[in-house]
Amino acid sequence: MKILTIMGTPHKGNTRAIVDLFLKEFENDNNEFDEIVLPIDFNKPCMGCANCILNGEDKCPHYNDINPMVEKIEKADLIILGTPVFVGSCTGSLKLFLDHLAYMWLVHRPKESMFNKVGLIVTSAGGSGVKQTTKLLKNNLFYWGVPQIFNYGVTTMKMGGNYSEYKDKDKIIKQVKKKAKEVSKALEKRKVGFKTKFFFNIFKMTQKNGWNKTDVDYWKSKEWLNGKRPF
């Protein structure tokens, strides 16, 4: 099994420490680990040109930089998104990364491989913001086509540092172990739920009379407009 971690910051604080706790739970001889650390591995802001959607992802001015990241995502069985909360949301580095992948949303050109993955979101905040940050990231994973998404968020009431300094560290470790078991169980028996199927069918109907030829041609090439499904 391949596990890909996408970190919204290189800072080794609470989020990094908790992500590492999860990774430790997934350690075994059969698992392979890879990681994208932002903005070190990708730092280009989306230009808003919409070339990726209208003309194909290879027309993005940053295609040569972002495509290797997409290839990593496609190979992964488990995708972990880790980010601290910055001013009520994910880090800017993670957001600009996600902006480049709008073309992968269900409404445009979802990757077939995404429907067989599991997602895990890890967030931490010194104060508020965990809930809305988790919602933002869950929306991105869901609209990529990832059918099973888990999340773990912590409000530490302390900026910087490391969860291990807190009086509740044993509670966090216990919660991580429990959540990791849930994720592992989902990976053993992956399934596409009603919500994913529903939205896929909605967007299938819109593509039959779609306004964007690039999207329509993609759906036709996959034979999704003729009854075939990616799951």
C-alpha atoms as a PDB file:
ATOM      1  CA  MET A   1       0.000   0.000   0.000  1.00  0.00           C
ATOM      2  CA  LYS A   2       1.207   3.478  -0.880  1.00  0.00           C
ATOM      3  CA  ILE A   3       0.704   6.346   1.568  1.00  0.00           C
ATOM      4  CA  LEU A   4       1.167   9.946   0.443  1.00  0.00           C
ATOM      5  CA  THR A   5       1.387  12.794   2.927  1.00  0.00           C
ATOM      6  CA  ILE A   6       0.806  16.345   1.702  1.00  0.00           C
ATOM      7  CA  MET A   7       1.991  18.818   4.336  1.00  0.00           C
ATOM      8  CA  GLY A   8       0.842  22.429   4.123  1.00  0.00           C
ATOM      9  CA  THR A   9       3.995  23.672   5.857  1.00  0.00           C
ATOM     10  CA  PRO A  10       7.569  22.513   6.510  1.00  0.00           C
ATOM     11  CA  HIS A  11       7.229  23.745  10.106  1.00  0.00           C
ATOM     12  CA  LYS A  12       7.754  20.906  12.588  1.00  0.00           C
ATOM     13  CA  GLY A  13       5.049  21.803  15.063  1.00  0.00           C
ATOM     14  CA  ASN A  14       1.822  20.238  16.319  1.00  0.00           C
ATOM     15  CA  THR A  15       0.456  19.141  12.961  1.00  0.00           C
ATOM     16  CA  ARG A  16       3.721  17.537  11.871  1.00  0.00           C
ATOM     17  CA  ALA A  17       3.991  15.670  15.160  1.00  0.00           C
ATOM     18  CA  ILE A  18       0.435  14.334  14.932  1.00  0.00           C
ATOM     19  CA  VAL A  19       0.846  13.328  11.291  1.00  0.00           C
ATOM     20  CA  ASP A  20       3.975  11.419  12.329  1.00  0.00           C
ATOM     21  CA  LEU A  21       1.928   9.614  14.979  1.00  0.00           C
ATOM     22  CA  PHE A  22      -0.444   8.441  12.244  1.00  0.00           C
ATOM     23  CA  LEU A  23       2.418   7.390   9.990  1.00  0.00           C
ATOM     24  CA  LYS A  24       3.875   5.330  12.813  1.00  0.00           C
ATOM     25  CA  GLU A  25       0.554   3.490  13.118  1.00  0.00           C
ATOM     26  CA  PHE A  26       0.692   2.633   9.414  1.00  0.00           C
ATOM     27  CA  GLU A  27       4.248   1.307   9.484  1.00  0.00           C
ATOM     28  CA  ASN A  28       4.649  -2.235   8.212  1.00  0.00           C
ATOM     29  CA  ASP A  29       6.678  -4.084   5.607  1.00  0.00           C
ATOM     30  CA  ASN A  30       4.015  -3.728   2.925  1.00  0.00           C
ATOM     31  CA  ASN A  31       3.539   0.036   3.092  1.00  0.00           C
ATOM     32  CA  GLU A  32       5.437   2.582   1.030  1.00  0.00           C
ATOM     33  CA  PHE A  33       5.593   6.233   2.083  1.00  0.00           C
ATOM     34  CA  ASP A  34       5.959   9.388   0.038  1.00  0.00           C
ATOM     35  CA  GLU A  35       5.563  13.026   0.912  1.00  0.00           C
ATOM     36  CA  ILE A  36       4.960  16.445  -0.582  1.00  0.00           C
ATOM     37  CA  VAL A  37       6.006  19.350   1.622  1.00  0.00           C
ATOM     38  CA  LEU A  38       4.679  22.765   0.675  1.00  0.00           C
ATOM     39  CA  PRO A  39       5.886  25.249  -0.372  1.00  0.00           C
ATOM     40  CA  ILE A  40       9.245  23.454  -0.729  1.00  0.00           C
ATOM     41  CA  ASP A  41       8.051  20.987  -3.366  1.00  0.00           C
ATOM     42  CA  PHE A  42       5.596  23.324  -5.105  1.00  0.00           C
ATOM     43  CA  ASN A  43       5.252  27.065  -4.659  1.00  0.00           C
ATOM     44  CA  LYS A  44       3.588  28.475  -7.777  1.00  0.00           C
ATOM     45  CA  PRO A  45       0.424  30.576  -7.309  1.00  0.00           C
ATOM     46  CA  CYS A  46      -2.533  29.803  -9.560  1.00  0.00           C
ATOM     47  CA  MET A  47      -2.766  32.477 -12.266  1.00  0.00           C
ATOM     48  CA  GLY A  48      -6.535  32.146 -12.674  1.00  0.00           C
ATOM     49  CA  CYS A  49      -6.174  31.600 -16.427  1.00  0.00           C
ATOM     50  CA  ALA A  50      -8.522  28.548 -16.360  1.00  0.00           C
ATOM     51  CA  ASN A  51      -6.392  26.872 -19.039  1.00  0.00           C
ATOM     52  CA  CYS A  52      -6.401  23.631 -17.059  1.00  0.00           C
ATOM     53  CA  ILE A  53     -10.192  23.486 -17.206  1.00  0.00           C
ATOM     54  CA  LEU A  54     -10.850  24.960 -20.635  1.00  0.00           C
ATOM     55  CA  ASN A  55      -7.929  23.624 -22.664  1.00  0.00           C
ATOM     56  CA  GLY A  56      -6.432  20.727 -20.679  1.00  0.00           C
ATOM     57  CA  GLU A  57      -4.221  20.463 -17.624  1.00  0.00           C
ATOM     58  CA  ASP A  58      -1.115  20.326 -19.803  1.00  0.00           C
ATOM     59  CA  LYS A  59      -1.858  23.930 -20.797  1.00  0.00           C
ATOM     60  CA  CYS A  60      -1.366  25.159 -17.231  1.00  0.00           C
ATOM     61  CA  PRO A  61       1.699  27.466 -17.090  1.00  0.00           C
ATOM     62  CA  HIS A  62       2.907  25.400 -14.121  1.00  0.00           C
ATOM     63  CA  TYR A  63       2.132  21.975 -15.605  1.00  0.00           C
ATOM     64  CA  ASN A  64       5.725  20.712 -15.466  1.00  0.00           C
ATOM     65  CA  ASP A  65       5.841  21.563 -11.764  1.00  0.00           C
ATOM     66  CA  ILE A  66       2.405  20.350 -10.672  1.00  0.00           C
ATOM     67  CA  ASN A  67       2.093  17.188 -12.783  1.00  0.00           C
ATOM     68  CA  PRO A  68       4.723  15.191 -10.824  1.00  0.00           C
ATOM     69  CA  MET A  69       2.627  15.935  -7.720  1.00  0.00           C
ATOM     70  CA  VAL A  70      -0.512  14.689  -9.463  1.00  0.00           C
ATOM     71  CA  GLU A  71       1.311  11.482 -10.397  1.00  0.00           C
ATOM     72  CA  LYS A  72       2.158  10.940  -6.732  1.00  0.00           C
ATOM     73  CA  ILE A  73      -1.506  11.454  -5.810  1.00  0.00           C
ATOM     74  CA  GLU A  74      -2.663   8.968  -8.426  1.00  0.00           C
ATOM     75  CA  LYS A  75      -0.305   6.266  -7.154  1.00  0.00           C
ATOM     76  CA  ALA A  76      -1.365   6.627  -3.515  1.00  0.00           C
ATOM     77  CA  ASP A  77      -3.886   4.428  -1.733  1.00  0.00           C
ATOM     78  CA  LEU A  78      -4.102   6.743   1.264  1.00  0.00           C
ATOM     79  CA  ILE A  79      -3.791  10.524   0.956  1.00  0.00           C
ATOM     80  CA  ILE A  80      -3.051  12.438   4.147  1.00  0.00           C
ATOM     81  CA  LEU A  81      -3.560  16.204   4.087  1.00  0.00           C
ATOM     82  CA  GLY A  82      -1.851  17.862   7.043  1.00  0.00           C
ATOM     83  CA  THR A  83      -2.085  21.553   7.844  1.00  0.00           C
ATOM     84  CA  PRO A  84      -2.144  23.863  10.820  1.00  0.00           C
ATOM     85  CA  VAL A  85      -4.874  26.481  10.838  1.00  0.00           C
ATOM     86  CA  PHE A  86      -3.695  29.833   9.494  1.00  0.00           C
ATOM     87  CA  VAL A  87      -6.169  32.721   9.991  1.00  0.00           C
ATOM     88  CA  GLY A  88      -9.150  30.383   9.941  1.00  0.00           C
ATOM     89  CA  SER A  89      -8.140  28.143   7.060  1.00  0.00           C
ATOM     90  CA  CYS A  90      -5.419  25.894   5.680  1.00  0.00           C
ATOM     91  CA  THR A  91      -1.993  27.320   4.923  1.00  0.00           C
ATOM     92  CA  GLY A  92      -1.643  29.497   1.836  1.00  0.00           C
ATOM     93  CA  SER A  93       0.822  26.996   0.404  1.00  0.00           C
ATOM     94  CA  LEU A  94      -1.719  24.184   0.560  1.00  0.00           C
ATOM     95  CA  LYS A  95      -4.475  26.365  -0.863  1.00  0.00           C
ATOM     96  CA  LEU A  96      -2.444  27.384  -3.922  1.00  0.00           C
ATOM     97  CA  PHE A  97      -1.619  23.694  -4.443  1.00  0.00           C
ATOM     98  CA  LEU A  98      -5.313  22.758  -4.330  1.00  0.00           C
ATOM     99  CA  ASP A  99      -6.201  25.629  -6.670  1.00  0.00           C
ATOM    100  CA  HIS A 100      -4.095  24.019  -9.385  1.00  0.00           C
ATOM    101  CA  LEU A 101      -6.159  20.827  -9.204  1.00  0.00           C
ATOM    102  CA  ALA A 102      -9.594  22.292  -9.914  1.00  0.00           C
ATOM    103  CA  TYR A 103      -9.690  20.450 -13.233  1.00  0.00           C
ATOM    104  CA  MET A 104      -9.707  17.140 -11.301  1.00  0.00           C
ATOM    105  CA  TRP A 105     -13.046  17.867  -9.641  1.00  0.00           C
ATOM    106  CA  LEU A 106     -16.043  15.653 -10.432  1.00  0.00           C
ATOM    107  CA  VAL A 107     -17.689  18.437 -12.389  1.00  0.00           C
ATOM    108  CA  HIS A 108     -14.723  18.544 -14.784  1.00  0.00           C
ATOM    109  CA  ARG A 109     -12.296  15.637 -15.324  1.00  0.00           C
ATOM    110  CA  PRO A 110     -11.944  13.393 -12.269  1.00  0.00           C
ATOM    111  CA  LYS A 111      -9.163  10.821 -12.278  1.00  0.00           C
ATOM    112  CA  GLU A 112     -10.433   7.225 -12.285  1.00  0.00           C
ATOM    113  CA  SER A 113      -7.899   6.243  -9.641  1.00  0.00           C
ATOM    114  CA  MET A 114      -9.384   8.668  -7.098  1.00  0.00           C
ATOM    115  CA  PHE A 115     -12.486   6.538  -6.591  1.00  0.00           C
ATOM    116  CA  ASN A 116     -10.389   3.786  -5.005  1.00  0.00           C
ATOM    117  CA  LYS A 117      -8.618   5.872  -2.386  1.00  0.00           C
ATOM    118  CA  VAL A 118      -9.049   6.821   1.252  1.00  0.00           C
ATOM    119  CA  GLY A 119      -8.376  10.312   2.585  1.00  0.00           C
ATOM    120  CA  LEU A 120      -7.263  11.507   6.010  1.00  0.00           C
ATOM    121  CA  ILE A 121      -7.205  15.151   7.092  1.00  0.00           C
ATOM    122  CA  VAL A 122      -5.070  16.213  10.056  1.00  0.00           C
ATOM    123  CA  THR A 123      -5.408  19.747  11.406  1.00  0.00           C
ATOM    124  CA  SER A 124      -4.357  21.606  14.512  1.00  0.00           C
ATOM    125  CA  ALA A 125      -4.985  25.118  15.762  1.00  0.00           C
ATOM    126  CA  GLY A 126      -3.859  27.296  18.626  1.00  0.00           C
ATOM    127  CA  GLY A 127      -7.437  28.565  18.825  1.00  0.00           C
ATOM    128  CA  SER A 128     -10.413  28.354  16.476  1.00  0.00           C
ATOM    129  CA  GLY A 129     -10.573  27.219  12.861  1.00  0.00           C
ATOM    130  CA  VAL A 130     -10.243  23.438  12.911  1.00  0.00           C
ATOM    131  CA  LYS A 131     -13.838  22.835  11.836  1.00  0.00           C
ATOM    132  CA  GLN A 132     -13.857  25.162   8.817  1.00  0.00           C
ATOM    133  CA  THR A 133     -10.390  24.055   7.711  1.00  0.00           C
ATOM    134  CA  THR A 134     -11.423  20.417   7.832  1.00  0.00           C
ATOM    135  CA  LYS A 135     -14.556  21.207   5.819  1.00  0.00           C
ATOM    136  CA  LEU A 136     -12.519  22.944   3.104  1.00  0.00           C
ATOM    137  CA  LEU A 137     -10.139  20.010   2.745  1.00  0.00           C
ATOM    138  CA  LYS A 138     -12.900  17.402   2.866  1.00  0.00           C
ATOM    139  CA  ASN A 139     -14.660  19.207   0.023  1.00  0.00           C
ATOM    140  CA  ASN A 140     -11.507  19.074  -2.080  1.00  0.00           C
ATOM    141  CA  LEU A 141     -10.937  15.373  -1.480  1.00  0.00           C
ATOM    142  CA  PHE A 142     -14.600  14.553  -2.062  1.00  0.00           C
ATOM    143  CA  TYR A 143     -14.781  16.463  -5.333  1.00  0.00           C
ATOM    144  CA  TRP A 144     -11.579  14.770  -6.484  1.00  0.00           C
ATOM    145  CA  GLY A 145     -13.657  11.606  -6.168  1.00  0.00           C
ATOM    146  CA  VAL A 146     -12.196  10.196  -2.924  1.00  0.00           C
ATOM    147  CA  PRO A 147     -15.166   8.299  -1.441  1.00  0.00           C
ATOM    148  CA  GLN A 148     -13.998   7.673   2.131  1.00  0.00           C
ATOM    149  CA  ILE A 149     -12.550  10.583   4.089  1.00  0.00           C
ATOM    150  CA  PHE A 150     -11.543  10.681   7.752  1.00  0.00           C
ATOM    151  CA  ASN A 151     -10.389  13.626   9.813  1.00  0.00           C
ATOM    152  CA  TYR A 152      -8.626  14.360  13.063  1.00  0.00           C
ATOM    153  CA  GLY A 153      -8.351  17.877  14.440  1.00  0.00           C
ATOM    154  CA  VAL A 154      -6.902  19.261  17.663  1.00  0.00           C
ATOM    155  CA  THR A 155      -7.269  22.656  19.305  1.00  0.00           C
ATOM    156  CA  THR A 156      -4.203  23.003  21.493  1.00  0.00           C
ATOM    157  CA  MET A 157      -4.760  26.549  22.762  1.00  0.00           C
ATOM    158  CA  LYS A 158      -1.066  27.057  22.258  1.00  0.00           C
ATOM    159  CA  MET A 159       0.819  28.249  19.185  1.00  0.00           C
ATOM    160  CA  GLY A 160       3.944  26.485  17.966  1.00  0.00           C
ATOM    161  CA  GLY A 161       5.622  23.854  20.061  1.00  0.00           C
ATOM    162  CA  ASN A 162       4.715  20.219  19.885  1.00  0.00           C
ATOM    163  CA  TYR A 163       1.701  18.227  21.087  1.00  0.00           C
ATOM    164  CA  SER A 164       4.029  16.164  23.301  1.00  0.00           C
ATOM    165  CA  GLU A 165       4.437  19.171  25.597  1.00  0.00           C
ATOM    166  CA  TYR A 166       0.745  19.187  26.476  1.00  0.00           C
ATOM    167  CA  LYS A 167      -0.951  17.576  29.438  1.00  0.00           C
ATOM    168  CA  ASP A 168      -3.383  15.889  27.009  1.00  0.00           C
ATOM    169  CA  LYS A 169      -0.664  14.179  24.955  1.00  0.00           C
ATOM    170  CA  ASP A 170      -1.712  10.686  26.107  1.00  0.00           C
ATOM    171  CA  LYS A 171      -5.278  11.453  25.049  1.00  0.00           C
ATOM    172  CA  ILE A 172      -4.083  12.541  21.616  1.00  0.00           C
ATOM    173  CA  ILE A 173      -2.018   9.370  21.183  1.00  0.00           C
ATOM    174  CA  LYS A 174      -5.029   7.248  22.143  1.00  0.00           C
ATOM    175  CA  GLN A 175      -7.309   9.114  19.718  1.00  0.00           C
ATOM    176  CA  VAL A 176      -4.806   8.777  16.877  1.00  0.00           C
ATOM    177  CA  LYS A 177      -4.534   5.021  17.411  1.00  0.00           C
ATOM    178  CA  LYS A 178      -8.320   4.685  17.275  1.00  0.00           C
ATOM    179  CA  LYS A 179      -8.654   6.821  14.152  1.00  0.00           C
ATOM    180  CA  ALA A 180      -5.786   4.995  12.430  1.00  0.00           C
ATOM    181  CA  LYS A 181      -7.611   1.688  12.963  1.00  0.00           C
ATOM    182  CA  GLU A 182     -10.707   3.141  11.302  1.00  0.00           C
ATOM    183  CA  VAL A 183      -8.627   4.293   8.330  1.00  0.00           C
ATOM    184  CA  SER A 184      -6.904   0.904   8.030  1.00  0.00           C
ATOM    185  CA  LYS A 185     -10.263  -0.864   8.060  1.00  0.00           C
ATOM    186  CA  ALA A 186     -11.514   1.397   5.261  1.00  0.00           C
ATOM    187  CA  LEU A 187      -8.403   0.661   3.216  1.00  0.00           C
ATOM    188  CA  GLU A 188      -9.030  -3.078   3.550  1.00  0.00           C
ATOM    189  CA  LYS A 189     -12.574  -2.742   2.229  1.00  0.00           C
ATOM    190  CA  ARG A 190     -12.811   0.314   0.009  1.00  0.00           C
ATOM    191  CA  LYS A 191     -16.239   1.328  -1.156  1.00  0.00           C
ATOM    192  CA  VAL A 192     -17.934   4.163  -2.994  1.00  0.00           C
ATOM    193  CA  GLY A 193     -20.895   5.546  -1.081  1.00  0.00           C
ATOM    194  CA  PHE A 194     -24.224   6.989  -2.164  1.00  0.00           C
ATOM    195  CA  LYS A 195     -23.076  10.622  -2.035  1.00  0.00           C
ATOM    196  CA  THR A 196     -20.197  10.059  -4.473  1.00  0.00           C
ATOM    197  CA  LYS A 197     -22.413   8.064  -6.829  1.00  0.00           C
ATOM    198  CA  PHE A 198     -25.130  10.722  -6.645  1.00  0.00           C
ATOM    199  CA  PHE A 199     -22.823  13.604  -7.542  1.00  0.00           C
ATOM    200  CA  PHE A 200     -21.138  11.561 -10.267  1.00  0.00           C
ATOM    201  CA  ASN A 201     -24.532  10.957 -11.876  1.00  0.00           C
ATOM    202  CA  ILE A 202     -25.510  14.627 -11.538  1.00  0.00           C
ATOM    203  CA  PHE A 203     -22.355  15.747 -13.303  1.00  0.00           C
ATOM    204  CA  LYS A 204     -22.807  12.985 -15.871  1.00  0.00           C
ATOM    205  CA  MET A 205     -26.122  14.570 -16.838  1.00  0.00           C
ATOM    206  CA  THR A 206     -24.548  18.020 -17.107  1.00  0.00           C
ATOM    207  CA  GLN A 207     -21.777  16.664 -19.329  1.00  0.00           C
ATOM    208  CA  LYS A 208     -24.268  15.275 -21.835  1.00  0.00           C
ATOM    209  CA  ASN A 209     -24.976  18.860 -22.808  1.00  0.00           C
ATOM    210  CA  GLY A 210     -21.772  20.301 -21.416  1.00  0.00           C
ATOM    211  CA  TRP A 211     -20.519  23.796 -22.142  1.00  0.00           C
ATOM    212  CA  ASN A 212     -16.837  22.862 -21.983  1.00  0.00           C
ATOM    213  CA  LYS A 213     -15.700  20.691 -24.893  1.00  0.00           C
ATOM    214  CA  THR A 214     -12.537  19.589 -23.091  1.00  0.00           C
ATOM    215  CA  ASP A 215     -14.593  18.133 -20.243  1.00  0.00           C
ATOM    216  CA  VAL A 216     -17.181  16.562 -22.544  1.00  0.00           C
ATOM    217  CA  ASP A 217     -14.528  14.925 -24.701  1.00  0.00           C
ATOM    218  CA  TYR A 218     -12.892  13.514 -21.563  1.00  0.00           C
ATOM    219  CA  TRP A 219     -16.140  11.971 -20.303  1.00  0.00           C
ATOM    220  CA  LYS A 220     -16.815  10.537 -23.755  1.00  0.00           C
ATOM    221  CA  SER A 221     -13.338   9.027 -23.946  1.00  0.00           C
ATOM    222  CA  LYS A 222     -13.969   7.269 -20.624  1.00  0.00           C
ATOM    223  CA  GLU A 223     -17.370   6.064 -21.911  1.00  0.00           C
ATOM    224  CA  TRP A 224     -18.937   7.482 -18.768  1.00  0.00           C
ATOM    225  CA  LEU A 225     -21.740   9.016 -20.824  1.00  0.00           C
ATOM    226  CA  ASN A 226     -22.621   5.548 -22.132  1.00  0.00           C
ATOM    227  CA  GLY A 227     -23.173   3.910 -18.768  1.00  0.00           C
ATOM    228  CA  LYS A 228     -19.626   2.974 -17.791  1.00  0.00           C
ATOM    229  CA  ARG A 229     -18.505   4.108 -14.333  1.00  0.00           C
ATOM    230  CA  PRO A 230     -15.066   4.555 -12.736  1.00  0.00           C
ATOM    231  CA  PHE A 231     -16.107   2.543  -9.668  1.00  0.00           C
END
